Protein backbone atom coordinates (compact mmCIF):
# COMPACT_ATOMS: atom_id res chain seq x y z
CA MET A 1 -12.04 -1.72 12.22
CA GLU A 2 -12.48 -4.89 14.29
CA VAL A 3 -14.29 -6.74 11.49
CA THR A 4 -11.66 -5.76 8.93
CA LEU A 5 -8.88 -6.78 11.30
CA ARG A 6 -10.47 -10.18 11.84
CA LEU A 7 -11.01 -10.73 8.11
CA LEU A 8 -7.45 -9.79 7.21
CA THR A 9 -6.06 -11.93 10.04
CA MET A 10 -8.05 -14.92 8.75
CA PHE A 11 -6.86 -14.15 5.22
CA ALA A 12 -3.22 -14.13 6.35
CA GLN A 13 -3.65 -17.38 8.28
CA THR A 14 -5.24 -19.10 5.28
CA VAL A 15 -2.55 -17.86 2.92
CA ARG A 16 0.18 -19.15 5.25
CA GLN A 17 -1.59 -22.49 5.67
CA ASN A 18 -1.48 -22.84 1.89
CA GLY A 19 2.28 -22.28 1.84
CA ALA A 20 2.26 -18.71 0.57
CA MET A 21 3.15 -15.36 2.09
CA PRO A 22 0.35 -12.83 2.66
CA LEU A 23 0.62 -9.17 1.81
CA VAL A 24 -2.05 -6.60 2.55
CA VAL A 25 -1.79 -3.70 0.10
CA VAL A 26 -3.57 -0.53 1.20
CA CYS A 27 -4.80 1.40 -1.85
CA ASP A 28 -6.35 4.68 -0.82
CA TYR A 29 -7.61 7.74 -2.65
CA ARG A 30 -6.90 11.39 -3.20
CA PRO A 31 -8.24 12.91 0.07
CA THR A 32 -6.06 10.53 2.09
CA PHE A 33 -2.99 11.44 0.01
CA GLU A 34 -3.71 15.14 0.47
CA ALA A 35 -4.15 14.80 4.24
CA TYR A 36 -1.00 12.67 4.56
CA ALA A 37 1.00 15.18 2.51
CA ALA A 38 -0.22 17.88 4.92
CA GLY A 39 1.05 15.86 7.91
CA ALA A 40 -2.04 13.97 9.05
CA PRO A 41 -1.80 10.22 9.66
CA PRO A 42 -4.06 8.05 7.51
CA MET A 43 -7.42 7.26 9.12
CA TYR A 44 -6.59 3.54 8.82
CA GLN A 45 -3.24 3.81 10.65
CA GLY A 46 -4.58 1.92 13.67
CA LEU A 47 -5.52 -1.02 11.44
CA VAL A 48 -2.09 -1.04 9.80
CA ASP A 49 -0.43 -0.98 13.23
CA GLN A 50 -2.60 -3.88 14.45
CA LEU A 51 -1.80 -5.95 11.34
CA ARG A 52 1.92 -5.35 11.75
CA GLN A 53 1.73 -6.29 15.44
CA ARG A 54 0.30 -9.62 14.25
CA ASP A 55 3.20 -10.05 11.82
CA ILE A 56 0.99 -9.51 8.80
CA PRO A 57 2.95 -7.68 6.10
CA VAL A 58 1.37 -4.42 4.95
CA LEU A 59 2.31 -2.20 2.03
CA ASP A 60 0.66 1.20 2.48
CA LEU A 61 0.65 3.02 -0.86
CA THR A 62 -0.19 6.45 0.55
CA PRO A 63 3.46 7.36 1.33
CA GLU A 64 4.41 6.04 -2.11
CA PHE A 65 1.98 8.42 -3.82
CA VAL A 66 3.09 11.37 -1.69
CA THR A 67 6.74 10.68 -2.53
CA ALA A 68 5.98 10.20 -6.22
CA ASN A 69 4.05 13.47 -6.26
CA GLN A 70 7.14 15.40 -5.13
CA SER A 71 5.34 17.45 -2.47
CA SER A 72 2.71 18.83 -4.86
CA PRO A 73 -0.71 19.17 -3.21
CA ASP A 74 -2.48 18.12 -6.45
CA PHE A 75 -2.93 14.37 -6.79
CA THR A 76 -5.47 14.46 -9.63
CA GLY A 77 -2.86 13.25 -12.13
CA TYR A 78 -3.05 9.76 -10.65
CA PHE A 79 -6.77 9.21 -11.08
CA ALA A 80 -9.11 8.45 -13.96
CA PRO A 81 -12.68 9.79 -14.01
CA GLY A 82 -14.64 7.83 -11.44
CA GLY A 83 -11.79 7.63 -8.93
CA HIS A 84 -9.77 4.62 -10.03
CA TYR A 85 -6.03 4.92 -10.57
CA ASN A 86 -5.05 5.84 -14.11
CA GLU A 87 -1.85 4.79 -15.89
CA ALA A 88 0.29 7.11 -13.74
CA GLY A 89 -1.35 5.84 -10.54
CA ASN A 90 -0.91 2.21 -11.57
CA ARG A 91 2.75 2.94 -12.30
CA VAL A 92 3.22 4.13 -8.70
CA VAL A 93 1.48 0.99 -7.44
CA SER A 94 3.48 -1.42 -9.59
CA ARG A 95 6.81 0.18 -8.68
CA ALA A 96 5.96 0.10 -4.97
CA VAL A 97 4.93 -3.54 -5.10
CA LEU A 98 8.02 -4.51 -7.08
CA ARG A 99 10.27 -2.60 -4.66
CA TYR A 100 8.62 -4.34 -1.70
CA LEU A 101 8.94 -7.80 -3.24
CA CYS A 102 12.60 -7.17 -4.05
CA GLN A 103 13.37 -5.82 -0.58
CA GLU A 104 11.76 -8.92 0.92
CA LYS A 105 13.89 -11.10 -1.38
CA MET A 106 10.87 -12.63 -3.09
CA PHE A 107 12.42 -12.12 -6.51
CA THR A 108 15.84 -13.40 -7.49
CA GLU A 109 16.44 -10.87 -10.28
CA CYS A 110 15.38 -7.36 -9.39
CA PRO A 111 16.02 -4.31 -11.53
CA SER A 112 18.51 -1.84 -10.20
CA PRO A 113 18.01 0.83 -8.99
CA LEU A 114 14.48 0.63 -7.69
């Protein structure tokens, strides 16, 4: 975790030095979604907490997938063979990113409702 934390901190510093705003997007996979839906915190929660303590914005997609799945324990509908997100999974990601960017006032014209 320490190496990842250092890398992401350096990333955020470099992004800010270049006049942009960093955003770390956590894209996880089915077992994490299943565990989170069952009440377990993600294994990377400590990293997310450390990033937020350093004022590095983080968008964790795991809660987004659990919400989108409407409490069903089966998350296979979001994945293509091989484990990557399919069209449905990418839809969850794009909506979550758009919602985040609109909430942070990074877009001037956001669709309503999100």
